[in-house]
Amino acid sequence: MKLHTLKPAAGSTKTNKRLGRGQGSGGSTAGRGHKGAQSRSGYHKKFGFEGGQMPLQRRIPKFGFKNNNKVYFKAINLDALEELAKKSGAPAITVQLMVDNGIVGKKDRVKILGRGELKSKLSVEAHAFSATATKAIESAGGNATTVK
């Protein structure tokens, strides 16, 4: 076998039809059929169009409510803070430290909740704290600071 003798397997490649290039290329309609919007140049089907059938986004009923004024928090428990403190070795846990370790996203607002046990003395910064979390942090000798 030599490089200049290599060629693809028989039937594995084919040439594209050159449509719309005269009678010899497959007729006058160039594979578009006769008449209708799809045969015209510049035709663009709307997203979700199902040929006149009632589209899915209109068949399914609307429900629910999204309150634009509600503030959504990413909940972090004390056991996760304890793990992070052991892993990083930092005496203070900030929102930026949580972002750097992939616990929360850059734009997330963080709320510390009271599940788990906190053994190490930590200074914790977050956007909100539950009452049990604040009590647990302060009883371990640390302090809970709310940031904006």
Protein backbone atom coordinates (compact mmCIF):
# COMPACT_ATOMS: atom_id res chain seq x y z
CA MET A 1 0.00 0.00 0.00
CA LYS A 2 1.33 3.41 -1.01
CA LEU A 3 0.04 6.88 -0.15
CA HIS A 4 -0.61 7.80 -3.78
CA THR A 5 -2.86 4.75 -4.25
CA LEU A 6 -5.19 5.48 -1.31
CA LYS A 7 -8.83 6.16 -2.15
CA PRO A 8 -12.13 5.90 -0.25
CA ALA A 9 -14.15 2.67 -0.22
CA ALA A 10 -16.50 2.14 -3.16
CA GLY A 11 -19.84 3.87 -2.60
CA SER A 12 -18.73 5.77 0.50
CA THR A 13 -18.55 9.17 -1.22
CA LYS A 14 -20.97 10.86 -3.58
CA THR A 15 -21.17 14.23 -5.30
CA ASN A 16 -23.88 16.71 -4.40
CA LYS A 17 -26.70 17.42 -6.84
CA ARG A 18 -26.13 20.75 -8.59
CA LEU A 19 -29.71 21.99 -8.48
CA GLY A 20 -31.06 25.04 -10.25
CA ARG A 21 -28.48 24.98 -13.04
CA GLY A 22 -30.68 24.40 -16.08
CA GLN A 23 -32.64 21.46 -17.46
CA GLY A 24 -29.74 19.02 -17.24
CA SER A 25 -29.52 19.38 -13.47
CA GLY A 26 -32.88 17.80 -12.63
CA GLY A 27 -35.65 19.95 -14.05
CA SER A 28 -36.99 23.46 -13.72
CA THR A 29 -38.08 23.32 -10.07
CA ALA A 30 -34.64 22.41 -8.67
CA GLY A 31 -36.09 19.91 -6.21
CA ARG A 32 -38.53 22.43 -4.67
CA GLY A 33 -41.76 21.06 -6.14
CA HIS A 34 -44.41 23.29 -7.75
CA LYS A 35 -45.75 26.54 -6.25
CA GLY A 36 -46.18 27.44 -2.56
CA ALA A 37 -44.06 29.36 -0.10
CA GLN A 38 -41.29 26.77 0.05
CA SER A 39 -40.69 27.01 -3.67
CA ARG A 40 -40.07 30.78 -3.56
CA SER A 41 -36.73 32.40 -2.96
CA GLY A 42 -36.32 34.06 0.43
CA TYR A 43 -38.68 31.61 2.13
CA HIS A 44 -38.09 31.28 5.86
CA LYS A 45 -40.19 29.03 8.07
CA LYS A 46 -41.07 30.52 11.47
CA PHE A 47 -39.59 28.72 14.47
CA GLY A 48 -42.08 26.14 15.74
CA PHE A 49 -44.20 26.23 12.56
CA GLU A 50 -45.89 22.88 11.99
CA GLY A 51 -47.43 23.36 8.57
CA GLY A 52 -50.59 25.05 9.82
CA GLN A 53 -51.24 22.51 12.58
CA MET A 54 -51.60 24.13 16.03
CA PRO A 55 -47.97 24.34 17.21
CA LEU A 56 -46.82 22.64 20.39
CA GLN A 57 -46.16 25.88 22.27
CA ARG A 58 -49.81 26.87 21.72
CA ARG A 59 -51.30 23.42 22.39
CA ILE A 60 -49.81 23.15 25.89
CA PRO A 61 -51.56 25.29 28.54
CA LYS A 62 -49.79 28.05 30.42
CA PHE A 63 -49.45 27.68 34.18
CA GLY A 64 -47.46 28.95 37.13
CA PHE A 65 -46.17 32.32 38.20
CA LYS A 66 -42.68 33.82 38.42
CA ASN A 67 -42.28 36.60 40.93
CA ASN A 68 -39.76 39.10 39.57
CA ASN A 69 -39.24 40.67 43.00
CA LYS A 70 -38.32 37.45 44.84
CA VAL A 71 -34.67 37.03 45.78
CA TYR A 72 -33.44 33.48 45.20
CA PHE A 73 -30.65 32.15 47.41
CA LYS A 74 -28.26 29.27 46.94
CA ALA A 75 -28.49 27.26 50.17
CA ILE A 76 -25.23 26.13 51.78
CA ASN A 77 -25.29 24.04 54.95
CA LEU A 78 -22.84 24.04 57.85
CA ASP A 79 -21.45 20.61 56.94
CA ALA A 80 -20.41 21.99 53.53
CA LEU A 81 -18.70 24.93 55.29
CA GLU A 82 -16.85 22.52 57.58
CA GLU A 83 -15.64 20.55 54.56
CA LEU A 84 -14.54 23.74 52.79
CA ALA A 85 -12.68 24.93 55.91
CA LYS A 86 -10.75 21.62 56.10
CA LYS A 87 -10.00 21.66 52.37
CA SER A 88 -8.89 25.31 52.09
CA GLY A 89 -7.48 25.81 55.59
CA ALA A 90 -8.76 29.41 55.56
CA PRO A 91 -9.97 30.92 58.88
CA ALA A 92 -12.53 33.09 57.05
CA ILE A 93 -15.03 31.79 54.53
CA THR A 94 -16.15 34.42 52.05
CA VAL A 95 -18.52 34.28 49.09
CA GLN A 96 -15.49 34.60 46.78
CA LEU A 97 -13.86 31.55 48.38
CA MET A 98 -17.06 29.55 47.75
CA VAL A 99 -17.11 30.71 44.12
CA ASP A 100 -13.44 29.76 43.65
CA ASN A 101 -14.12 26.26 45.02
CA GLY A 102 -17.16 25.77 42.77
CA ILE A 103 -19.73 25.58 45.57
CA VAL A 104 -21.74 28.54 44.26
CA GLY A 105 -21.89 30.50 41.02
CA LYS A 106 -20.45 33.97 40.54
CA LYS A 107 -23.88 35.65 40.50
CA ASP A 108 -25.55 33.48 43.19
CA ARG A 109 -26.74 34.96 46.46
CA VAL A 110 -25.70 32.67 49.32
CA LYS A 111 -27.73 31.71 52.40
CA ILE A 112 -26.14 29.64 55.15
CA LEU A 113 -28.45 27.02 56.68
CA GLY A 114 -28.04 25.06 59.92
CA ARG A 115 -27.82 21.40 58.83
CA GLY A 116 -24.72 19.62 60.03
CA GLU A 117 -22.18 20.38 62.72
CA LEU A 118 -19.54 23.11 62.75
CA LYS A 119 -16.46 22.22 64.82
CA SER A 120 -13.94 24.81 63.66
CA LYS A 121 -13.92 28.49 64.59
CA LEU A 122 -14.84 30.32 61.37
CA SER A 123 -15.61 33.83 60.24
CA VAL A 124 -18.34 33.37 57.63
CA GLU A 125 -19.55 35.95 55.09
CA ALA A 126 -22.80 35.40 53.18
CA HIS A 127 -25.85 37.26 51.91
CA ALA A 128 -28.18 35.68 54.51
CA PHE A 129 -28.12 33.31 57.49
CA SER A 130 -30.78 31.19 59.14
CA ALA A 131 -31.18 31.60 62.90
CA THR A 132 -29.87 28.09 63.63
CA ALA A 133 -26.82 28.64 61.41
CA THR A 134 -25.95 31.92 63.13
CA LYS A 135 -26.32 30.28 66.55
CA ALA A 136 -24.12 27.31 65.52
CA ILE A 137 -21.38 29.53 64.05
CA GLU A 138 -21.27 31.78 67.13
CA SER A 139 -21.36 28.83 69.57
CA ALA A 140 -18.28 27.41 67.76
CA GLY A 141 -16.49 30.70 68.43
CA GLY A 142 -16.82 32.25 64.98
CA ASN A 143 -18.88 35.12 63.65
CA ALA A 144 -21.49 35.46 60.89
CA THR A 145 -21.27 38.58 58.72
CA THR A 146 -24.00 39.56 56.27
CA VAL A 147 -22.78 41.14 53.01
CA LYS A 148 -24.80 43.03 50.40
